[in-house]
N, C-alpha and C. Protein backbone atom coordinates (compact mmCIF):
# COMPACT_ATOMS: atom_id res chain seq x y z
N MET A 1 0.82 -1.20 0.00
CA MET A 1 0.00 0.00 0.00
C MET A 1 0.86 1.26 0.00
N ILE A 2 1.89 1.29 0.86
CA ILE A 2 2.77 2.45 0.93
C ILE A 2 3.54 2.60 -0.38
N GLU A 3 3.99 1.50 -0.94
CA GLU A 3 4.70 1.53 -2.23
C GLU A 3 3.81 2.11 -3.32
N HIS A 4 2.54 1.75 -3.33
CA HIS A 4 1.57 2.27 -4.31
C HIS A 4 1.41 3.78 -4.15
N GLN A 5 1.35 4.26 -2.91
CA GLN A 5 1.21 5.70 -2.65
C GLN A 5 2.46 6.45 -3.10
N LYS A 6 3.64 5.87 -2.90
CA LYS A 6 4.89 6.51 -3.34
C LYS A 6 4.90 6.63 -4.86
N ASN A 7 4.42 5.57 -5.54
CA ASN A 7 4.35 5.60 -7.00
C ASN A 7 3.44 6.72 -7.48
N HIS A 8 2.28 6.85 -6.82
CA HIS A 8 1.32 7.91 -7.17
C HIS A 8 1.94 9.29 -6.93
N ALA A 9 2.60 9.45 -5.80
CA ALA A 9 3.23 10.74 -5.47
C ALA A 9 4.31 11.08 -6.49
N GLY A 10 5.07 10.09 -6.90
CA GLY A 10 6.11 10.32 -7.91
C GLY A 10 5.54 10.78 -9.24
N ARG A 11 4.43 10.17 -9.64
CA ARG A 11 3.77 10.57 -10.89
C ARG A 11 3.27 12.00 -10.81
N TYR A 12 2.65 12.34 -9.68
CA TYR A 12 2.13 13.70 -9.52
C TYR A 12 3.26 14.72 -9.52
N LEU A 13 4.37 14.40 -8.88
CA LEU A 13 5.51 15.32 -8.88
C LEU A 13 6.08 15.48 -10.29
N ALA A 14 6.15 14.40 -11.04
CA ALA A 14 6.64 14.48 -12.41
C ALA A 14 5.72 15.33 -13.27
N LEU A 15 4.41 15.14 -13.14
CA LEU A 15 3.45 15.95 -13.89
C LEU A 15 3.51 17.41 -13.48
N LEU A 16 3.66 17.67 -12.19
CA LEU A 16 3.78 19.04 -11.71
C LEU A 16 5.04 19.69 -12.27
N GLY A 17 6.15 18.97 -12.28
CA GLY A 17 7.39 19.49 -12.84
C GLY A 17 7.25 19.81 -14.32
N LEU A 18 6.62 18.92 -15.06
CA LEU A 18 6.39 19.14 -16.49
C LEU A 18 5.52 20.37 -16.71
N PHE A 19 4.46 20.49 -15.94
CA PHE A 19 3.57 21.64 -16.05
C PHE A 19 4.32 22.94 -15.76
N LEU A 20 5.14 22.96 -14.72
CA LEU A 20 5.89 24.17 -14.37
C LEU A 20 6.89 24.53 -15.47
N CYS A 21 7.53 23.54 -16.06
CA CYS A 21 8.46 23.81 -17.16
C CYS A 21 7.73 24.40 -18.36
N LEU A 22 6.61 23.83 -18.71
CA LEU A 22 5.86 24.30 -19.88
C LEU A 22 5.24 25.67 -19.65
N SER A 23 4.94 26.00 -18.41
CA SER A 23 4.29 27.29 -18.14
C SER A 23 5.24 28.46 -18.34
N HIS A 24 6.54 28.21 -18.44
CA HIS A 24 7.50 29.29 -18.66
C HIS A 24 7.70 29.61 -20.13
N TYR A 25 7.13 28.84 -21.01
CA TYR A 25 7.24 29.08 -22.44
C TYR A 25 5.95 29.70 -22.95
N PRO A 26 6.05 30.56 -23.99
CA PRO A 26 4.83 31.16 -24.52
C PRO A 26 3.94 30.10 -25.16
N VAL A 27 2.66 30.38 -25.14
CA VAL A 27 1.70 29.50 -25.80
C VAL A 27 1.99 29.53 -27.29
N LEU A 28 2.01 28.38 -27.92
CA LEU A 28 2.24 28.35 -29.36
C LEU A 28 1.09 29.04 -30.07
N ALA A 29 1.45 29.94 -30.95
CA ALA A 29 0.43 30.74 -31.63
C ALA A 29 -0.17 29.96 -32.79
N HIS A 30 -1.48 30.01 -32.88
CA HIS A 30 -2.15 29.48 -34.05
C HIS A 30 -2.16 30.57 -35.10
N ALA A 31 -2.06 30.21 -36.33
CA ALA A 31 -2.00 31.21 -37.39
C ALA A 31 -3.38 31.77 -37.69
N VAL A 32 -3.40 33.07 -37.92
CA VAL A 32 -4.61 33.74 -38.39
C VAL A 32 -4.67 33.54 -39.90
N PRO A 33 -5.80 33.14 -40.45
CA PRO A 33 -5.89 33.06 -41.92
C PRO A 33 -5.65 34.45 -42.51
N MET A 34 -4.72 34.54 -43.44
CA MET A 34 -4.32 35.83 -43.99
C MET A 34 -5.32 36.33 -45.02
N GLN A 35 -5.70 37.57 -44.88
CA GLN A 35 -6.47 38.26 -45.91
C GLN A 35 -5.46 38.98 -46.79
N ASN A 36 -5.71 39.07 -48.06
CA ASN A 36 -4.85 39.84 -48.98
C ASN A 36 -3.41 39.33 -49.00
N ASP A 37 -3.21 38.06 -49.27
CA ASP A 37 -1.85 37.51 -49.36
C ASP A 37 -1.06 38.31 -50.39
N PRO A 38 0.09 38.90 -49.99
CA PRO A 38 0.85 39.76 -50.92
C PRO A 38 1.69 38.99 -51.95
N ASN A 39 1.87 37.68 -51.76
CA ASN A 39 2.71 36.86 -52.66
C ASN A 39 4.07 37.50 -52.87
N GLY A 40 4.64 38.01 -51.79
CA GLY A 40 5.94 38.66 -51.83
C GLY A 40 5.99 39.78 -50.81
N PHE A 41 6.83 40.76 -51.10
CA PHE A 41 6.99 41.90 -50.20
C PHE A 41 7.06 43.17 -51.03
N GLN A 42 6.13 44.07 -50.77
CA GLN A 42 6.02 45.31 -51.51
C GLN A 42 5.98 45.00 -53.01
N SER A 43 6.94 45.47 -53.80
CA SER A 43 6.87 45.24 -55.25
C SER A 43 7.61 43.98 -55.70
N LEU A 44 8.13 43.22 -54.75
CA LEU A 44 8.89 42.01 -55.08
C LEU A 44 8.02 40.77 -54.93
N THR A 45 7.97 39.96 -55.97
CA THR A 45 7.22 38.71 -55.93
C THR A 45 8.17 37.59 -55.50
N TRP A 46 7.64 36.63 -54.75
CA TRP A 46 8.47 35.49 -54.34
C TRP A 46 9.10 34.84 -55.56
N GLY A 47 10.36 34.48 -55.43
CA GLY A 47 11.05 33.75 -56.48
C GLY A 47 11.86 34.61 -57.44
N VAL A 48 11.68 35.95 -57.43
CA VAL A 48 12.45 36.79 -58.35
C VAL A 48 13.92 36.79 -57.94
N ALA A 49 14.79 37.10 -58.90
CA ALA A 49 16.23 37.20 -58.63
C ALA A 49 16.52 38.59 -58.07
N LEU A 50 17.04 38.66 -56.86
CA LEU A 50 17.34 39.95 -56.24
C LEU A 50 18.59 40.59 -56.83
N THR A 51 19.41 39.80 -57.52
CA THR A 51 20.63 40.33 -58.13
C THR A 51 20.33 41.35 -59.22
N THR A 52 19.13 41.33 -59.78
CA THR A 52 18.78 42.26 -60.85
C THR A 52 18.24 43.58 -60.32
N ARG A 53 18.11 43.71 -59.01
CA ARG A 53 17.53 44.92 -58.42
C ARG A 53 18.63 45.95 -58.13
N PRO A 54 18.62 47.11 -58.82
CA PRO A 54 19.65 48.12 -58.58
C PRO A 54 19.49 48.83 -57.23
N ASP A 55 18.33 48.73 -56.60
CA ASP A 55 18.11 49.39 -55.31
C ASP A 55 18.55 48.54 -54.12
N LEU A 56 19.07 47.33 -54.39
CA LEU A 56 19.53 46.43 -53.32
C LEU A 56 21.03 46.21 -53.41
N GLU A 57 21.66 46.05 -52.24
CA GLU A 57 23.08 45.68 -52.20
C GLU A 57 23.22 44.44 -51.33
N ILE A 58 24.17 43.61 -51.69
CA ILE A 58 24.37 42.36 -50.95
C ILE A 58 25.12 42.67 -49.65
N THR A 59 24.64 42.10 -48.56
CA THR A 59 25.29 42.29 -47.26
C THR A 59 25.96 41.02 -46.77
N ARG A 60 25.51 39.89 -47.23
CA ARG A 60 26.12 38.61 -46.87
C ARG A 60 25.90 37.64 -48.01
N ALA A 61 27.01 37.16 -48.56
CA ALA A 61 26.93 36.23 -49.69
C ALA A 61 27.31 34.83 -49.24
N GLY A 62 26.62 33.86 -49.79
CA GLY A 62 26.93 32.47 -49.50
C GLY A 62 26.72 31.64 -50.75
N PRO A 63 27.07 30.38 -50.70
CA PRO A 63 26.91 29.54 -51.89
C PRO A 63 25.44 29.33 -52.28
N HIS A 64 24.54 29.35 -51.31
CA HIS A 64 23.11 29.13 -51.60
C HIS A 64 22.21 30.25 -51.09
N VAL A 65 22.60 30.86 -49.98
CA VAL A 65 21.78 31.89 -49.34
C VAL A 65 22.51 33.23 -49.39
N ASN A 66 21.81 34.26 -49.88
CA ASN A 66 22.36 35.61 -49.93
C ASN A 66 21.41 36.56 -49.21
N GLU A 67 22.01 37.57 -48.57
CA GLU A 67 21.23 38.56 -47.83
C GLU A 67 21.49 39.93 -48.45
N TYR A 68 20.42 40.72 -48.61
CA TYR A 68 20.49 42.03 -49.24
C TYR A 68 19.83 43.06 -48.34
N GLN A 69 20.19 44.33 -48.57
CA GLN A 69 19.50 45.45 -47.93
C GLN A 69 19.32 46.56 -48.95
N LEU A 70 18.45 47.50 -48.64
CA LEU A 70 18.22 48.63 -49.53
C LEU A 70 19.44 49.55 -49.54
N LYS A 71 19.80 50.05 -50.73
CA LYS A 71 20.89 51.01 -50.85
C LYS A 71 20.35 52.40 -50.50
N ASP A 72 21.16 53.18 -49.84
CA ASP A 72 20.88 54.60 -49.62
C ASP A 72 19.51 54.90 -49.03
N HIS A 73 18.98 54.00 -48.23
CA HIS A 73 17.68 54.25 -47.58
C HIS A 73 17.78 53.85 -46.12
N SER A 74 17.16 54.63 -45.26
CA SER A 74 17.01 54.21 -43.87
C SER A 74 15.92 53.15 -43.85
N PRO A 75 16.15 52.04 -43.16
CA PRO A 75 15.14 50.99 -43.19
C PRO A 75 13.86 51.41 -42.48
N SER A 76 12.74 51.09 -43.11
CA SER A 76 11.44 51.35 -42.50
C SER A 76 10.45 50.30 -42.99
N TYR A 77 9.43 50.09 -42.18
CA TYR A 77 8.36 49.17 -42.54
C TYR A 77 7.07 49.72 -41.97
N ALA A 78 6.04 49.75 -42.76
CA ALA A 78 4.72 50.24 -42.36
C ALA A 78 4.80 51.69 -41.89
N GLY A 79 5.71 52.47 -42.49
CA GLY A 79 5.87 53.86 -42.10
C GLY A 79 6.59 54.06 -40.79
N VAL A 80 7.20 53.00 -40.27
CA VAL A 80 7.90 53.03 -38.98
C VAL A 80 9.38 52.76 -39.24
N SER A 81 10.27 53.59 -38.68
CA SER A 81 11.69 53.30 -38.85
C SER A 81 12.04 52.06 -38.03
N VAL A 82 12.87 51.21 -38.61
CA VAL A 82 13.26 49.95 -37.97
C VAL A 82 14.78 49.85 -37.96
N GLU A 83 15.32 48.94 -37.15
CA GLU A 83 16.77 48.76 -37.09
C GLU A 83 17.33 48.18 -38.38
N SER A 84 16.65 47.17 -38.90
CA SER A 84 17.12 46.57 -40.16
C SER A 84 15.96 45.95 -40.91
N LEU A 85 16.13 45.92 -42.22
CA LEU A 85 15.18 45.29 -43.13
C LEU A 85 16.03 44.55 -44.16
N ARG A 86 16.00 43.23 -44.13
CA ARG A 86 16.86 42.42 -44.99
C ARG A 86 16.02 41.53 -45.89
N PHE A 87 16.51 41.33 -47.10
CA PHE A 87 15.89 40.47 -48.11
C PHE A 87 16.80 39.27 -48.27
N LEU A 88 16.24 38.07 -48.21
CA LEU A 88 17.05 36.86 -48.35
C LEU A 88 16.60 36.06 -49.56
N SER A 89 17.59 35.51 -50.24
CA SER A 89 17.29 34.62 -51.37
C SER A 89 17.94 33.28 -51.10
N VAL A 90 17.32 32.25 -51.60
CA VAL A 90 17.88 30.90 -51.54
C VAL A 90 17.97 30.42 -52.98
N ASP A 91 19.18 30.02 -53.37
CA ASP A 91 19.44 29.60 -54.75
C ASP A 91 18.92 30.64 -55.75
N GLU A 92 19.26 31.91 -55.46
CA GLU A 92 18.93 33.06 -56.33
C GLU A 92 17.43 33.35 -56.44
N GLN A 93 16.62 32.82 -55.54
CA GLN A 93 15.18 33.10 -55.55
C GLN A 93 14.79 33.81 -54.26
N PHE A 94 14.12 34.95 -54.39
CA PHE A 94 13.67 35.73 -53.24
C PHE A 94 12.71 34.90 -52.41
N ALA A 95 13.03 34.74 -51.09
CA ALA A 95 12.25 33.83 -50.26
C ALA A 95 11.86 34.38 -48.89
N ARG A 96 12.52 35.45 -48.41
CA ARG A 96 12.24 35.90 -47.04
C ARG A 96 12.64 37.36 -46.85
N VAL A 97 11.88 38.03 -45.97
CA VAL A 97 12.24 39.36 -45.48
C VAL A 97 12.32 39.26 -43.97
N THR A 98 13.39 39.82 -43.40
CA THR A 98 13.51 39.89 -41.94
C THR A 98 13.56 41.35 -41.53
N ILE A 99 12.81 41.68 -40.51
CA ILE A 99 12.73 43.05 -40.01
C ILE A 99 13.00 43.00 -38.51
N HIS A 100 13.94 43.84 -38.05
CA HIS A 100 14.25 43.94 -36.63
C HIS A 100 13.93 45.35 -36.18
N TYR A 101 13.29 45.47 -35.03
CA TYR A 101 12.94 46.80 -34.50
C TYR A 101 13.03 46.79 -32.99
N ARG A 102 13.04 47.99 -32.41
CA ARG A 102 13.07 48.16 -30.95
C ARG A 102 11.97 49.13 -30.54
N GLY A 103 11.41 48.87 -29.39
CA GLY A 103 10.48 49.81 -28.79
C GLY A 103 9.03 49.35 -28.84
N ASP A 104 8.36 49.57 -27.73
CA ASP A 104 6.96 49.16 -27.61
C ASP A 104 6.06 49.96 -28.55
N ASP A 105 6.34 51.25 -28.72
CA ASP A 105 5.52 52.06 -29.63
C ASP A 105 5.63 51.55 -31.07
N ARG A 106 6.85 51.24 -31.50
CA ARG A 106 7.03 50.70 -32.85
C ARG A 106 6.32 49.36 -32.99
N HIS A 107 6.42 48.55 -31.95
CA HIS A 107 5.75 47.25 -31.97
C HIS A 107 4.24 47.41 -32.18
N LYS A 108 3.65 48.31 -31.43
CA LYS A 108 2.21 48.54 -31.55
C LYS A 108 1.84 49.06 -32.94
N GLN A 109 2.66 49.95 -33.50
CA GLN A 109 2.38 50.49 -34.84
C GLN A 109 2.49 49.40 -35.91
N ILE A 110 3.52 48.58 -35.82
CA ILE A 110 3.71 47.50 -36.80
C ILE A 110 2.59 46.48 -36.69
N LEU A 111 2.22 46.12 -35.47
CA LEU A 111 1.14 45.17 -35.26
C LEU A 111 -0.18 45.71 -35.80
N ALA A 112 -0.46 46.98 -35.56
CA ALA A 112 -1.69 47.59 -36.07
C ALA A 112 -1.71 47.57 -37.60
N TYR A 113 -0.57 47.86 -38.22
CA TYR A 113 -0.48 47.81 -39.68
C TYR A 113 -0.75 46.40 -40.20
N LEU A 114 -0.11 45.40 -39.58
CA LEU A 114 -0.30 44.02 -40.03
C LEU A 114 -1.75 43.58 -39.87
N GLU A 115 -2.39 43.99 -38.80
CA GLU A 115 -3.80 43.63 -38.61
C GLU A 115 -4.69 44.29 -39.66
N ARG A 116 -4.40 45.55 -39.99
CA ARG A 116 -5.19 46.23 -41.04
C ARG A 116 -5.01 45.56 -42.39
N GLN A 117 -3.78 45.16 -42.70
CA GLN A 117 -3.48 44.59 -44.01
C GLN A 117 -3.88 43.13 -44.14
N PHE A 118 -3.67 42.34 -43.08
CA PHE A 118 -3.75 40.89 -43.23
C PHE A 118 -4.76 40.19 -42.32
N GLY A 119 -5.44 40.92 -41.45
CA GLY A 119 -6.48 40.31 -40.62
C GLY A 119 -6.26 40.53 -39.14
N SER A 120 -7.36 40.61 -38.43
CA SER A 120 -7.35 40.88 -37.00
C SER A 120 -6.86 39.67 -36.20
N LEU A 121 -6.21 39.94 -35.09
CA LEU A 121 -5.73 38.89 -34.20
C LEU A 121 -6.73 38.56 -33.10
N GLU A 122 -7.79 39.32 -32.98
CA GLU A 122 -8.71 39.17 -31.86
C GLU A 122 -9.38 37.80 -31.82
N ARG A 123 -9.50 37.29 -30.61
CA ARG A 123 -10.23 36.06 -30.32
C ARG A 123 -9.73 34.84 -31.08
N VAL A 124 -8.42 34.76 -31.28
CA VAL A 124 -7.85 33.58 -31.91
C VAL A 124 -7.22 32.73 -30.81
N PRO A 125 -7.67 31.49 -30.65
CA PRO A 125 -7.11 30.65 -29.59
C PRO A 125 -5.61 30.46 -29.79
N GLY A 126 -4.86 30.64 -28.70
CA GLY A 126 -3.43 30.38 -28.74
C GLY A 126 -2.58 31.59 -29.04
N GLN A 127 -3.15 32.70 -29.52
CA GLN A 127 -2.34 33.90 -29.77
C GLN A 127 -1.87 34.45 -28.43
N MET A 128 -0.60 34.78 -28.35
CA MET A 128 -0.01 35.32 -27.13
C MET A 128 -0.07 36.83 -27.22
N MET A 129 -1.08 37.45 -26.63
CA MET A 129 -1.31 38.88 -26.77
C MET A 129 -0.52 39.72 -25.78
N ARG A 130 -0.16 39.16 -24.66
CA ARG A 130 0.58 39.89 -23.65
C ARG A 130 1.61 38.96 -23.05
N GLY A 131 2.50 39.53 -22.28
CA GLY A 131 3.51 38.71 -21.64
C GLY A 131 4.88 39.09 -22.14
N LEU A 132 5.88 38.41 -21.62
CA LEU A 132 7.25 38.74 -21.97
C LEU A 132 7.59 38.36 -23.40
N ASN A 133 7.05 37.27 -23.89
CA ASN A 133 7.29 36.84 -25.27
C ASN A 133 5.95 36.75 -25.98
N GLN A 134 5.78 37.61 -26.98
CA GLN A 134 4.53 37.64 -27.73
C GLN A 134 4.79 37.10 -29.12
N GLN A 135 3.89 36.27 -29.62
CA GLN A 135 4.04 35.68 -30.95
C GLN A 135 2.73 35.80 -31.72
N TYR A 136 2.86 36.15 -32.99
CA TYR A 136 1.70 36.30 -33.86
C TYR A 136 2.04 35.71 -35.22
N THR A 137 1.07 35.10 -35.87
CA THR A 137 1.30 34.50 -37.18
C THR A 137 0.08 34.71 -38.06
N TRP A 138 0.34 35.13 -39.30
CA TRP A 138 -0.68 35.19 -40.35
C TRP A 138 -0.22 34.23 -41.43
N ARG A 139 -1.12 33.39 -41.93
CA ARG A 139 -0.75 32.41 -42.95
C ARG A 139 -1.69 32.51 -44.13
N GLY A 140 -1.10 32.77 -45.30
CA GLY A 140 -1.85 32.81 -46.54
C GLY A 140 -1.45 31.65 -47.43
N ALA A 141 -1.96 31.63 -48.65
CA ALA A 141 -1.64 30.55 -49.58
C ALA A 141 -0.17 30.59 -49.98
N ASP A 142 0.40 31.79 -50.15
CA ASP A 142 1.78 31.92 -50.62
C ASP A 142 2.72 32.51 -49.58
N THR A 143 2.19 33.20 -48.59
CA THR A 143 3.01 33.98 -47.66
C THR A 143 2.65 33.65 -46.22
N GLU A 144 3.68 33.64 -45.37
CA GLU A 144 3.46 33.51 -43.93
C GLU A 144 4.22 34.64 -43.24
N ILE A 145 3.56 35.31 -42.30
CA ILE A 145 4.17 36.40 -41.54
C ILE A 145 4.20 36.00 -40.08
N ASN A 146 5.39 36.04 -39.48
CA ASN A 146 5.56 35.72 -38.07
C ASN A 146 6.15 36.93 -37.36
N VAL A 147 5.55 37.29 -36.24
CA VAL A 147 6.05 38.39 -35.42
C VAL A 147 6.37 37.82 -34.05
N THR A 148 7.56 38.14 -33.55
CA THR A 148 7.94 37.79 -32.19
C THR A 148 8.40 39.07 -31.51
N TYR A 149 7.88 39.32 -30.32
CA TYR A 149 8.26 40.52 -29.59
C TYR A 149 8.63 40.13 -28.17
N HIS A 150 9.82 40.57 -27.73
CA HIS A 150 10.30 40.31 -26.38
C HIS A 150 10.10 41.60 -25.57
N ALA A 151 9.08 41.61 -24.73
CA ALA A 151 8.71 42.82 -24.00
C ALA A 151 9.79 43.27 -23.02
N ASP A 152 10.52 42.32 -22.44
CA ASP A 152 11.53 42.71 -21.46
C ASP A 152 12.68 43.50 -22.09
N THR A 153 13.05 43.20 -23.32
CA THR A 153 14.12 43.93 -24.01
C THR A 153 13.57 44.89 -25.06
N GLU A 154 12.26 44.87 -25.28
CA GLU A 154 11.57 45.69 -26.28
C GLU A 154 12.17 45.49 -27.68
N ARG A 155 12.47 44.24 -28.00
CA ARG A 155 13.00 43.90 -29.33
C ARG A 155 11.95 43.08 -30.08
N GLY A 156 11.76 43.45 -31.34
CA GLY A 156 10.78 42.75 -32.16
C GLY A 156 11.39 42.26 -33.45
N PHE A 157 10.82 41.20 -33.98
CA PHE A 157 11.28 40.58 -35.22
C PHE A 157 10.07 40.22 -36.06
N VAL A 158 10.12 40.57 -37.33
CA VAL A 158 9.08 40.19 -38.28
C VAL A 158 9.75 39.35 -39.35
N PHE A 159 9.19 38.20 -39.62
CA PHE A 159 9.67 37.33 -40.70
C PHE A 159 8.53 37.18 -41.70
N ILE A 160 8.77 37.59 -42.92
CA ILE A 160 7.79 37.46 -44.00
C ILE A 160 8.38 36.45 -44.97
N ASP A 161 7.74 35.29 -45.07
CA ASP A 161 8.30 34.16 -45.81
C ASP A 161 7.43 33.71 -46.96
N SER A 162 8.09 33.24 -48.01
CA SER A 162 7.42 32.47 -49.04
C SER A 162 7.16 31.08 -48.46
N ARG A 163 5.94 30.63 -48.49
CA ARG A 163 5.63 29.32 -47.91
C ARG A 163 6.26 28.18 -48.69
N THR A 164 6.55 28.39 -49.97
CA THR A 164 7.17 27.30 -50.75
C THR A 164 8.69 27.39 -50.77
N LEU A 165 9.25 28.60 -50.75
CA LEU A 165 10.70 28.74 -50.87
C LEU A 165 11.43 28.76 -49.53
N ALA A 166 10.86 29.35 -48.49
CA ALA A 166 11.54 29.47 -47.21
C ALA A 166 11.96 28.12 -46.61
N PRO A 167 11.20 27.05 -46.75
CA PRO A 167 11.67 25.77 -46.21
C PRO A 167 12.99 25.30 -46.82
N ARG A 168 13.34 25.83 -47.98
CA ARG A 168 14.60 25.43 -48.62
C ARG A 168 15.83 25.96 -47.89
N PHE A 169 15.66 26.97 -47.02
CA PHE A 169 16.79 27.42 -46.19
C PHE A 169 17.31 26.26 -45.36
N ASN A 170 16.41 25.43 -44.87
CA ASN A 170 16.80 24.29 -44.04
C ASN A 170 17.63 23.28 -44.81
N ASP A 171 17.44 23.19 -46.11
CA ASP A 171 18.20 22.24 -46.92
C ASP A 171 19.69 22.56 -46.94
N HIS A 172 20.04 23.82 -46.64
CA HIS A 172 21.43 24.24 -46.74
C HIS A 172 22.09 24.44 -45.38
N ILE A 173 21.44 23.98 -44.32
CA ILE A 173 22.04 24.02 -42.99
C ILE A 173 22.75 22.69 -42.79
N THR A 174 24.03 22.76 -42.45
CA THR A 174 24.78 21.52 -42.24
C THR A 174 24.48 20.97 -40.85
N ASP A 175 24.84 19.72 -40.64
CA ASP A 175 24.63 19.10 -39.34
C ASP A 175 25.44 19.78 -38.25
N SER A 176 26.57 20.37 -38.61
CA SER A 176 27.40 21.03 -37.60
C SER A 176 27.01 22.49 -37.41
N ALA A 177 25.98 22.96 -38.12
CA ALA A 177 25.47 24.34 -38.04
C ALA A 177 26.53 25.36 -38.39
N GLU A 178 27.38 25.03 -39.33
CA GLU A 178 28.42 25.97 -39.78
C GLU A 178 27.88 26.92 -40.80
């Protein structure tokens, strides 16, 4: 009888430990169905060769993945100045935009813009609306937009991906992560 009670207590402690560990991570965000899928970013369609764009300069070159930024422009998105705005190509095909920004005001402005353009986040199960780590996702037929905001450091990241091309970035990651 005592052995049975010890077994039960051990199971409860293990479940409690698992629950406490999981409670420190943000809730996984469910994607909002995207309205108005842009099939790219601004005037760039997914899959175009960024090397032909005179307004872009290469910032990091690799055998398969290249990173570009705008020439002679301060980076901005949705009318908000941001720390960086980068365009990435995989095997010479435009596949991703990464945007880094700082500040709660900028975060609110960018989020409001994304909601106006691609759909409201309200009442979606699993969306992390508050807390130290906030995550939002809009998913369309061709494009996926992910926003992560760290409230403690006031740093935000927006990833705008081609749903068909962005997975190819993983094909070029080596096992040693070099």
